[in-house]
Amino acid sequence: MPRRTSFLSILLALAMAAAALTPWASAVSGGLSLVTSGQEATSQAVGFTGVPEDCQSLQVTFTLSQSSPSYDFALDGSLAALPGVHATHRQEGDRVTVYVTLRTGTLTDNGSLTLGTLSTPGASFSVTGFSNSKLLGSNSGELDAGPSDSGNSGGGASDGTGSGSGGQTSGGSGSQTSGGSGSDGEALWSIQVDRPTGGTLTASRSQAASGRTVTLTAVPDQGYVLQKVTAVTAAGKSLSLSKQKDGTYTFTMPAAKVTVSAAFTPKSQTEGEGPLPFTDVASGDWYAQAVAYVYRQGLMSGTALNQFSPDLTTNRAMLVTILYRLAGSPAVSGAAAFTDVSGGDWFASGVAWASANGIVTGYGDGRFGPSDPITREQMAAILYRYAGFAGQSTAGQADLSGYTDAGLVSAYAAAPMGWAVDRGLITGVSAHTLVPRGSATRAQVATILMRFCQMAQN
C-alpha cells in the first residue's frame, strides 16, 4: 500500500545528505541508518534511512544513554494513521525494543521512515545507537537490514533549532512529537490540523506545553453542518473535548503530539433527506429509522466513514457520552472520582458530567467500568435518572411478572426497568423474556434513544 511522503521523511533524507557536515553523524552505508537528535532531551524522535521499500514489519532495539527512567514510545502520527498498523515496545534497562507492523502495505515508499518518539518525564537522555534489527517484507520474508548495530546518525538540536533531523516540526506538516521548548523552558508539543471536507477547522495554537488549553474552531461551509470534532494523540488515544457556549471546543494538551480533525455532513443528510452514508444499514433493516434519527440528531456517529456497525456491543462510556451530547455537552469543572477514568480519556467529560448530576454512580468500588458492555437494565437505570435530571416524568410502572426472567432484574434497576417497559423504551427480547443483564448492540441503543427522545418531545 503506497503512502504519502511526509515532510519529515524529506527532512530525514536531507539530514543524511548533510551528515558529513555534522561531527556526530555517522551514516551507515548499505543498510539501516539511525536518524535522531544528537543532544539530550526528555523526548527523542527516531527514524531510519535505508529502509527497504518492501518493508512491512520492523523490529529494532534502541540503546539509550540512561537506564533508570521508565521510557514510553509513541508511534509517529503518519504511521498511526495507516490502516491495520500495530506497534508495541519493551524496555530492559537502557534498551528499548520497538516492534511495528502493518496488516497490508509497506511502512515506507522512499527508504526513509519516521518511526516515532521515545520519551520519559524522569530525565534527559539521548539515543546512542541501535541493534538487533529485523525487517520483514510484504511476503513475510526477512529483508536485509545491513549492519545490525549503529551509532547515532542524528543531525540537529532537540529544541527544534538545528538543521538536521533532530529539529521538530509543528502544525499540519509534522511527524515528530515534541516541537521544541518555550521561552520558559517548557517542552512544546505539536498540533496537527487535518484539512476537512465541507468546512474549516482551526486551532488556537500550533504547539502547546502539556497542561495548556487548546481551542478548536470548526466552521461549516454553506450547505454543510458540523458532525463531530476529534483530537487524538500520536499513540491513538482520543482526548476529551469540551464544547463551549460560543460553539468552540477545548481540550487540555497532553505531553504528546495531537492530531485534530472535524467531520462535516451535507444538510440534506441531517434534515432527513438523502441516503445514510453507512453501507451496513439497509433501508429495510428494523433499526434503519432509528440509526437515521440518532445520526441526524448528532447523538451517534459511525464507527468509520461508511460503517455504523449495528451489531457491535455498546459500552458504558459510549452511552454516557451520547447522553452528554443530548444535554448539549455542557462545560465540566473537575473530574469524576472513578479510579478507571482519567482526565485525558475521550469520555472523561461525559462521565464527570453524568456523575456530578447523579446519572451514573459506578459500581460502588470506585470503578465506573467505561469499557464494560452496557446491559439492558443498566441502560434503563441511566435513562431513568437522566429523565429525572431533565425534568421529565418518571411515573408509571409496568407489571414485569409476565416475564419468566423478571427475577433477574437487579434491585437498583427494578423501578427503572418497570418505567422503561411502561414507556415502551425497552421491550422483551421475546414474548416471555426481558434478558435484563444482556448487553445492548448499537442498533438496539439507537432504537431506545429514538424512543426516549420522541417520548420527551411528546
Protein backbone atom coordinates (compact mmCIF):
# COMPACT_ATOMS: atom_id res chain seq x y z
CA MET A 1 0.00 0.00 0.00
CA PRO A 2 1.72 3.24 -1.05
CA ARG A 3 1.72 6.06 1.42
CA ARG A 4 2.35 9.78 1.04
CA THR A 5 5.85 11.08 1.61
CA SER A 6 5.66 13.15 4.78
CA PHE A 7 7.50 16.43 5.26
CA LEU A 8 9.56 14.83 8.00
CA SER A 9 10.60 11.98 5.72
CA ILE A 10 12.09 14.62 3.40
CA LEU A 11 13.85 16.11 6.43
CA LEU A 12 15.26 12.69 7.25
CA ALA A 13 16.72 12.37 3.76
CA LEU A 14 18.17 15.88 3.91
CA ALA A 15 19.67 15.11 7.32
CA MET A 16 21.52 12.15 5.91
CA ALA A 17 22.80 14.23 2.96
CA ALA A 18 24.16 16.73 5.47
CA ALA A 19 25.58 14.04 7.78
CA ALA A 20 29.14 14.57 6.56
CA LEU A 21 28.98 18.17 7.77
CA THR A 22 27.99 17.27 11.35
CA PRO A 23 30.75 15.81 13.52
CA TRP A 24 28.48 13.41 15.44
CA ALA A 25 26.79 11.95 12.35
CA SER A 26 27.96 8.54 11.17
CA ALA A 27 25.80 7.27 8.32
CA VAL A 28 25.85 3.54 7.75
CA SER A 29 26.15 2.55 4.11
CA GLY A 30 24.48 -0.49 2.74
CA GLY A 31 21.80 -0.79 5.43
CA LEU A 32 19.71 0.98 8.07
CA SER A 33 20.96 4.31 9.33
CA LEU A 34 19.53 5.82 12.50
CA VAL A 35 18.39 9.44 12.43
CA THR A 36 17.77 11.17 15.74
CA SER A 37 18.92 14.17 17.75
CA GLY A 38 22.49 14.37 18.95
CA GLN A 39 21.59 16.21 22.14
CA GLU A 40 19.96 15.03 25.35
CA ALA A 41 16.28 15.83 25.98
CA THR A 42 13.26 14.27 27.68
CA SER A 43 11.95 13.05 24.31
CA GLN A 44 13.74 11.83 21.21
CA ALA A 45 12.24 11.30 17.76
CA VAL A 46 13.75 8.29 15.98
CA GLY A 47 13.75 7.33 12.33
CA PHE A 48 15.75 5.49 9.72
CA THR A 49 17.00 5.84 6.20
CA GLY A 50 17.94 2.86 4.10
CA VAL A 51 14.67 1.02 4.84
CA PRO A 52 13.79 -1.46 2.06
CA GLU A 53 10.72 -0.28 0.19
CA ASP A 54 9.04 -3.68 0.64
CA CYS A 55 9.32 -3.49 4.46
CA GLN A 56 6.03 -4.33 6.18
CA SER A 57 7.33 -5.12 9.70
CA LEU A 58 10.27 -3.75 11.66
CA GLN A 59 11.80 -4.70 14.99
CA VAL A 60 14.75 -2.81 16.44
CA THR A 61 16.39 -2.30 19.85
CA PHE A 62 17.49 1.24 20.73
CA THR A 63 20.32 1.86 23.18
CA LEU A 64 19.73 4.89 25.41
CA SER A 65 22.14 6.94 27.48
CA GLN A 66 20.12 6.50 30.68
CA SER A 67 18.84 3.21 32.12
CA SER A 68 16.95 4.30 35.25
CA PRO A 69 13.88 6.10 33.79
CA SER A 70 10.79 4.35 32.51
CA TYR A 71 10.51 5.07 28.80
CA ASP A 72 7.41 5.36 26.64
CA PHE A 73 7.18 5.04 22.87
CA ALA A 74 4.58 6.88 20.74
CA LEU A 75 4.14 5.83 17.13
CA ASP A 76 4.58 8.66 14.64
CA GLY A 77 1.27 10.17 13.52
CA SER A 78 1.79 9.37 9.83
CA LEU A 79 2.28 5.70 10.70
CA ALA A 80 -0.54 5.66 13.25
CA ALA A 81 -2.93 6.84 10.52
CA LEU A 82 -2.25 3.81 8.33
CA PRO A 83 -4.96 1.12 8.42
CA GLY A 84 -4.06 -2.10 10.19
CA VAL A 85 -0.98 -0.74 11.97
CA HIS A 86 0.16 -2.31 15.26
CA ALA A 87 3.01 -1.19 17.48
CA THR A 88 4.40 -2.27 20.83
CA HIS A 89 7.59 -1.73 22.82
CA ARG A 90 9.54 -3.34 25.69
CA GLN A 91 12.22 -1.87 27.95
CA GLU A 92 15.14 -3.65 29.57
CA GLY A 93 17.37 -1.17 31.40
CA ASP A 94 18.91 1.21 28.87
CA ARG A 95 17.50 -0.69 25.89
CA VAL A 96 14.03 -0.28 24.37
CA THR A 97 12.86 -2.70 21.69
CA VAL A 98 10.20 -1.38 19.31
CA TYR A 99 8.07 -3.52 17.01
CA VAL A 100 5.88 -2.04 14.25
CA THR A 101 3.89 -3.95 11.64
CA LEU A 102 1.18 -3.38 9.07
CA ARG A 103 -1.57 -5.81 8.13
CA THR A 104 -1.14 -4.84 4.46
CA GLY A 105 1.07 -2.42 2.57
CA THR A 106 4.56 -1.16 3.39
CA LEU A 107 6.00 1.18 6.01
CA THR A 108 7.74 3.48 3.50
CA ASP A 109 7.93 4.01 -0.21
CA ASN A 110 11.12 6.06 -0.33
CA GLY A 111 13.53 4.39 2.09
CA SER A 112 13.03 6.97 4.86
CA LEU A 113 10.91 6.14 7.88
CA THR A 114 9.95 8.31 10.84
CA LEU A 115 9.23 5.65 13.44
CA GLY A 116 8.03 7.65 16.46
CA THR A 117 9.16 9.21 19.72
CA LEU A 118 10.82 7.78 22.83
CA SER A 119 10.13 9.87 25.92
CA THR A 120 10.42 9.90 29.70
CA PRO A 121 9.39 12.54 32.23
CA GLY A 122 12.18 11.48 34.54
CA ALA A 123 15.41 12.64 32.91
CA SER A 124 17.09 13.90 29.76
CA PHE A 125 18.62 11.22 27.54
CA SER A 126 19.87 10.54 24.05
CA VAL A 127 19.68 7.59 21.67
CA THR A 128 23.22 6.28 21.32
CA GLY A 129 22.62 3.51 18.82
CA PHE A 130 20.53 0.52 17.76
CA SER A 131 20.92 -3.23 17.39
CA ASN A 132 19.05 -6.48 16.70
CA SER A 133 17.20 -5.01 13.74
CA LYS A 134 14.88 -7.37 11.91
CA LEU A 135 12.77 -6.45 8.86
CA LEU A 136 10.08 -8.50 7.14
CA GLY A 137 8.70 -7.88 3.66
CA SER A 138 5.10 -7.99 2.50
CA ASN A 139 5.58 -11.67 1.63
CA SER A 140 6.69 -12.34 5.26
CA GLY A 141 10.24 -12.99 4.11
CA GLU A 142 13.14 -11.48 6.06
CA LEU A 143 14.79 -8.47 4.40
CA ASP A 144 18.44 -7.45 4.51
CA ALA A 145 18.80 -4.72 7.12
CA GLY A 146 22.53 -4.28 6.58
CA PRO A 147 24.73 -3.87 9.67
CA SER A 148 22.85 -4.79 12.84
CA ASP A 149 24.43 -2.19 15.11
CA SER A 150 24.87 1.52 14.55
CA GLY A 151 25.64 4.66 16.45
CA ASN A 152 23.69 7.89 16.44
CA SER A 153 23.40 9.47 13.00
CA GLY A 154 21.26 12.41 14.02
CA GLY A 155 21.98 15.91 12.92
CA GLY A 156 20.11 18.59 14.81
CA ALA A 157 19.30 20.11 18.15
CA SER A 158 16.45 18.67 20.15
CA ASP A 159 14.89 22.10 20.70
CA GLY A 160 13.89 22.38 17.07
CA THR A 161 16.63 24.88 16.12
CA GLY A 162 19.06 22.53 14.42
CA SER A 163 19.39 21.98 10.70
CA GLY A 164 19.25 18.19 10.80
CA SER A 165 16.61 15.62 11.60
CA GLY A 166 16.55 16.42 15.30
CA GLY A 167 14.70 19.64 14.58
CA GLN A 168 10.99 19.21 15.30
CA THR A 169 8.01 20.27 13.25
CA SER A 170 4.66 21.69 14.18
CA GLY A 171 1.23 22.34 12.79
CA GLY A 172 -0.02 20.28 9.90
CA SER A 173 3.33 19.25 8.50
CA GLY A 174 4.96 17.42 11.36
CA SER A 175 5.68 13.82 12.01
CA GLN A 176 7.59 14.47 15.21
CA THR A 177 6.05 14.68 18.64
CA SER A 178 7.89 17.41 20.52
CA GLY A 179 8.06 20.82 18.91
CA GLY A 180 10.92 22.25 20.96
CA SER A 181 10.67 24.43 24.04
CA GLY A 182 9.02 27.68 25.01
CA SER A 183 10.61 30.78 26.49
CA ASP A 184 10.26 29.32 30.00
CA GLY A 185 11.89 26.04 29.02
CA GLU A 186 8.64 24.04 28.82
CA ALA A 187 8.55 21.27 26.23
CA LEU A 188 6.17 22.13 23.39
CA TRP A 189 4.14 19.50 21.56
CA SER A 190 2.90 19.96 18.01
CA ILE A 191 -0.76 20.14 17.00
CA GLN A 192 -1.57 18.88 13.52
CA VAL A 193 -4.83 20.10 11.99
CA ASP A 194 -6.30 17.82 9.34
CA ARG A 195 -8.00 19.55 6.42
CA PRO A 196 -11.69 18.53 6.39
CA THR A 197 -14.21 18.50 3.56
CA GLY A 198 -17.27 20.73 3.90
CA GLY A 199 -15.81 23.27 6.33
CA THR A 200 -12.72 24.62 8.05
CA LEU A 201 -11.02 23.69 11.31
CA THR A 202 -8.51 25.89 13.12
CA ALA A 203 -6.58 25.51 16.37
CA SER A 204 -5.62 28.38 18.66
CA ARG A 205 -2.04 27.06 18.82
CA SER A 206 0.29 25.16 16.53
CA GLN A 207 2.28 23.99 19.58
CA ALA A 208 1.45 23.84 23.27
CA ALA A 209 3.00 22.72 26.52
CA SER A 210 1.42 19.89 28.46
CA GLY A 211 -1.49 21.15 30.58
CA ARG A 212 -2.28 24.17 28.38
CA THR A 213 -5.79 24.70 26.96
CA VAL A 214 -6.18 24.49 23.18
CA THR A 215 -9.28 25.90 21.46
CA LEU A 216 -10.65 24.43 18.23
CA THR A 217 -12.98 26.35 15.91
CA ALA A 218 -14.95 24.39 13.31
CA VAL A 219 -16.93 26.38 10.73
CA PRO A 220 -19.09 24.52 8.17
CA ASP A 221 -19.31 25.63 4.55
CA GLN A 222 -22.67 26.65 3.15
CA GLY A 223 -24.88 23.59 2.84
CA TYR A 224 -22.98 21.63 5.49
CA VAL A 225 -23.30 21.10 9.25
CA LEU A 226 -20.69 20.03 11.77
CA GLN A 227 -20.94 16.36 12.69
CA LYS A 228 -18.06 15.92 15.14
CA VAL A 229 -14.64 17.21 16.23
CA THR A 230 -11.93 14.87 17.47
CA ALA A 231 -8.44 15.17 18.96
CA VAL A 232 -6.16 12.12 19.01
CA THR A 233 -2.60 11.63 20.25
CA ALA A 234 0.12 10.03 18.14
CA ALA A 235 -0.43 6.84 20.16
CA GLY A 236 -4.09 6.76 19.09
CA LYS A 237 -5.65 7.93 22.37
CA SER A 238 -8.76 10.11 21.93
CA LEU A 239 -8.84 13.24 24.08
CA SER A 240 -11.85 14.64 25.89
CA LEU A 241 -13.29 17.77 24.25
CA SER A 242 -15.50 20.33 25.99
CA LYS A 243 -17.99 22.31 23.93
CA GLN A 244 -18.08 25.99 24.89
CA LYS A 245 -21.04 28.39 24.75
CA ASP A 246 -19.62 30.11 21.65
CA GLY A 247 -19.56 26.80 19.76
CA THR A 248 -15.82 26.20 20.02
CA TYR A 249 -14.24 23.12 21.56
CA THR A 250 -11.35 22.94 24.02
CA PHE A 251 -9.01 20.23 25.23
CA THR A 252 -6.07 20.02 27.60
CA MET A 253 -2.78 19.42 25.82
CA PRO A 254 -1.06 16.15 26.80
CA ALA A 255 2.69 15.50 26.66
CA ALA A 256 2.35 14.17 23.13
CA LYS A 257 1.70 15.28 19.59
CA VAL A 258 -2.01 15.73 18.84
CA THR A 259 -3.89 15.49 15.56
CA VAL A 260 -7.27 17.25 15.40
CA SER A 261 -9.95 16.72 12.79
CA ALA A 262 -13.55 17.63 12.04
CA ALA A 263 -16.29 15.91 10.06
CA PHE A 264 -18.94 17.93 8.23
CA THR A 265 -22.13 16.46 6.77
CA PRO A 266 -24.34 17.83 3.99
CA LYS A 267 -27.51 19.36 5.40
CA SER A 268 -29.59 17.05 3.22
CA GLN A 269 -28.44 14.09 5.32
CA THR A 270 -29.09 15.78 8.68
CA GLU A 271 -32.53 17.03 7.66
CA GLY A 272 -33.83 13.59 6.77
CA GLU A 273 -33.14 13.82 3.07
CA GLY A 274 -30.99 11.51 1.03
CA PRO A 275 -29.46 8.16 2.00
CA LEU A 276 -27.34 7.47 5.04
CA PRO A 277 -23.59 7.16 4.46
CA PHE A 278 -23.49 3.70 6.09
CA THR A 279 -23.15 0.71 3.78
CA ASP A 280 -24.07 -1.70 6.62
CA VAL A 281 -27.53 -0.17 7.23
CA ALA A 282 -30.10 -1.08 4.59
CA SER A 283 -33.36 0.83 4.25
CA GLY A 284 -35.34 -2.29 5.14
CA ASP A 285 -33.47 -3.10 8.34
CA TRP A 286 -35.60 -2.92 11.50
CA TYR A 287 -33.20 -0.37 13.02
CA ALA A 288 -32.73 1.81 9.90
CA GLN A 289 -35.11 4.55 11.03
CA ALA A 290 -33.51 4.69 14.48
CA VAL A 291 -29.98 4.87 13.04
CA ALA A 292 -31.07 7.71 10.75
CA TYR A 293 -32.60 9.54 13.71
CA VAL A 294 -29.63 9.33 16.08
CA TYR A 295 -27.17 10.09 13.28
CA ARG A 296 -29.04 13.16 12.07
CA GLN A 297 -29.54 14.39 15.63
CA GLY A 298 -25.79 14.13 16.23
CA LEU A 299 -26.23 11.58 19.03
CA MET A 300 -24.38 8.71 17.37
CA SER A 301 -21.88 8.68 14.55
CA GLY A 302 -20.37 5.88 12.52
CA THR A 303 -17.52 3.66 13.59
CA ALA A 304 -15.95 4.57 10.23
CA LEU A 305 -16.86 6.92 7.38
CA ASN A 306 -19.27 4.41 5.85
CA GLN A 307 -19.84 1.95 8.72
CA PHE A 308 -22.31 2.15 11.62
CA SER A 309 -21.61 -1.38 12.98
CA PRO A 310 -25.19 -2.04 14.19
CA ASP A 311 -24.31 -5.38 15.80
CA LEU A 312 -21.35 -4.02 17.78
CA THR A 313 -21.86 -4.05 21.55
CA THR A 314 -22.21 -0.62 23.18
CA ASN A 315 -20.15 0.07 26.28
CA ARG A 316 -20.90 2.26 29.30
CA ALA A 317 -18.66 5.11 28.18
CA MET A 318 -20.43 5.29 24.81
CA LEU A 319 -23.90 5.59 26.35
CA VAL A 320 -22.87 8.29 28.81
CA THR A 321 -21.18 10.24 26.01
CA ILE A 322 -24.37 10.06 23.92
CA LEU A 323 -26.45 11.47 26.78
CA TYR A 324 -23.80 14.15 27.35
CA ARG A 325 -24.27 15.22 23.71
CA LEU A 326 -28.04 15.12 24.15
CA ALA A 327 -27.65 17.55 27.06
CA GLY A 328 -25.66 19.92 24.85
CA SER A 329 -22.14 18.91 26.00
CA PRO A 330 -22.07 21.44 28.86
CA ALA A 331 -18.75 22.61 30.27
CA VAL A 332 -17.48 20.43 33.11
CA SER A 333 -15.43 21.51 36.10
CA GLY A 334 -13.46 18.87 37.92
CA ALA A 335 -13.08 15.19 37.16
CA ALA A 336 -15.17 12.16 38.03
CA ALA A 337 -13.99 10.35 41.16
CA PHE A 338 -13.56 6.97 39.47
CA THR A 339 -10.26 5.11 39.57
CA ASP A 340 -10.60 3.92 35.96
CA VAL A 341 -11.40 7.32 34.38
CA SER A 342 -8.53 9.75 33.77
CA GLY A 343 -8.76 13.34 32.62
CA GLY A 344 -7.38 12.61 29.16
CA ASP A 345 -9.90 9.91 28.26
CA TRP A 346 -12.24 10.78 25.38
CA PHE A 347 -15.25 10.05 27.62
CA ALA A 348 -13.94 11.88 30.72
CA SER A 349 -16.14 14.98 30.36
CA GLY A 350 -19.28 12.91 29.81
CA VAL A 351 -18.63 10.67 32.81
CA ALA A 352 -17.76 13.66 35.03
CA TRP A 353 -20.98 15.43 33.99
CA ALA A 354 -23.13 12.31 34.48
CA SER A 355 -21.56 11.57 37.87
CA ALA A 356 -21.99 15.16 39.08
CA ASN A 357 -25.68 15.06 38.18
CA GLY A 358 -26.40 11.66 39.73
CA ILE A 359 -26.98 9.97 36.38
CA VAL A 360 -24.25 7.38 36.98
CA THR A 361 -22.86 6.14 40.28
CA GLY A 362 -20.37 3.47 39.23
CA TYR A 363 -20.01 0.02 40.74
CA GLY A 364 -19.57 1.14 44.33
CA ASP A 365 -15.92 0.05 44.50
CA GLY A 366 -14.51 3.21 42.94
CA ARG A 367 -14.78 1.96 39.36
CA PHE A 368 -17.03 3.17 36.54
CA GLY A 369 -16.22 0.39 34.05
CA PRO A 370 -16.12 2.55 30.89
CA SER A 371 -15.24 -0.34 28.60
CA ASP A 372 -17.77 -2.78 30.09
CA PRO A 373 -20.72 -3.61 27.81
CA ILE A 374 -23.85 -1.71 28.82
CA THR A 375 -26.57 -4.10 29.97
CA ARG A 376 -30.25 -3.55 29.32
CA GLU A 377 -31.01 -2.91 33.00
CA GLN A 378 -28.05 -0.52 33.33
CA MET A 379 -29.32 1.40 30.33
CA ALA A 380 -32.81 1.58 31.83
CA ALA A 381 -31.38 2.91 35.11
CA ILE A 382 -29.23 5.56 33.40
CA LEU A 383 -32.10 6.76 31.18
CA TYR A 384 -34.42 6.81 34.21
CA ARG A 385 -32.01 9.07 36.10
CA TYR A 386 -31.42 11.25 33.05
CA ALA A 387 -35.16 11.71 32.65
CA GLY A 388 -35.38 12.91 36.25
CA PHE A 389 -32.40 15.22 35.69
CA ALA A 390 -34.07 16.68 32.58
CA GLY A 391 -37.36 17.28 34.41
CA GLN A 392 -39.25 14.55 32.60
CA SER A 393 -41.80 12.31 34.26
CA THR A 394 -40.56 9.03 35.71
CA ALA A 395 -44.05 7.92 36.75
CA GLY A 396 -45.55 4.66 35.55
CA GLN A 397 -44.59 1.08 36.24
CA ALA A 398 -45.20 -1.91 34.02
CA ASP A 399 -46.02 -5.30 35.54
CA LEU A 400 -42.97 -7.41 34.81
CA SER A 401 -44.33 -10.61 36.35
CA GLY A 402 -45.25 -11.93 32.91
CA TYR A 403 -41.58 -12.27 32.03
CA THR A 404 -40.02 -15.51 33.25
CA ASP A 405 -36.69 -13.80 33.99
CA ALA A 406 -38.14 -10.80 35.85
CA GLY A 407 -36.47 -12.10 39.00
CA LEU A 408 -33.06 -11.46 37.41
CA VAL A 409 -33.62 -7.70 37.44
CA SER A 410 -31.25 -6.17 39.99
CA ALA A 411 -32.78 -4.28 42.92
CA TYR A 412 -31.34 -0.92 41.79
CA ALA A 413 -32.88 -1.39 38.33
CA ALA A 414 -36.34 -2.63 39.35
CA ALA A 415 -38.12 0.73 39.19
CA PRO A 416 -36.16 1.96 36.13
CA MET A 417 -36.88 -1.26 34.23
CA GLY A 418 -40.58 -1.09 35.10
CA TRP A 419 -40.65 2.53 33.92
CA ALA A 420 -38.72 1.78 30.69
CA VAL A 421 -41.05 -1.09 29.77
CA ASP A 422 -44.12 1.01 30.67
CA ARG A 423 -42.92 3.80 28.36
CA GLY A 424 -42.10 1.38 25.55
CA LEU A 425 -38.40 2.22 25.64
CA ILE A 426 -37.41 -1.37 26.30
CA THR A 427 -39.40 -4.35 25.14
CA GLY A 428 -38.92 -8.05 25.75
CA VAL A 429 -36.33 -9.93 23.73
CA SER A 430 -39.15 -12.45 23.33
CA ALA A 431 -42.74 -12.58 24.50
CA HIS A 432 -41.66 -14.03 27.83
CA THR A 433 -38.07 -12.79 28.45
CA LEU A 434 -36.53 -9.40 29.25
CA VAL A 435 -32.88 -10.51 29.45
CA PRO A 436 -32.13 -7.61 31.85
CA ARG A 437 -28.44 -8.43 32.12
CA GLY A 438 -27.89 -8.96 28.42
CA SER A 439 -25.74 -6.48 26.50
CA ALA A 440 -27.16 -3.94 24.06
CA THR A 441 -25.98 -3.53 20.48
CA ARG A 442 -25.58 -0.19 18.76
CA ALA A 443 -28.76 -0.87 16.78
CA GLN A 444 -30.71 -1.53 19.99
CA VAL A 445 -29.26 1.56 21.68
CA ALA A 446 -30.17 3.69 18.66
CA THR A 447 -33.75 2.41 18.81
CA ILE A 448 -34.10 3.03 22.55
CA LEU A 449 -32.62 6.52 22.23
CA MET A 450 -35.02 7.42 19.40
CA ARG A 451 -37.99 6.29 21.52
CA PHE A 452 -36.62 8.20 24.51
CA CYS A 453 -36.17 11.47 22.60
CA GLN A 454 -39.59 11.18 20.97
CA MET A 455 -41.14 10.50 24.38
CA ALA A 456 -39.51 13.65 25.75
CA GLN A 457 -40.79 15.72 22.83
CA ASN A 458 -44.33 14.50 23.43
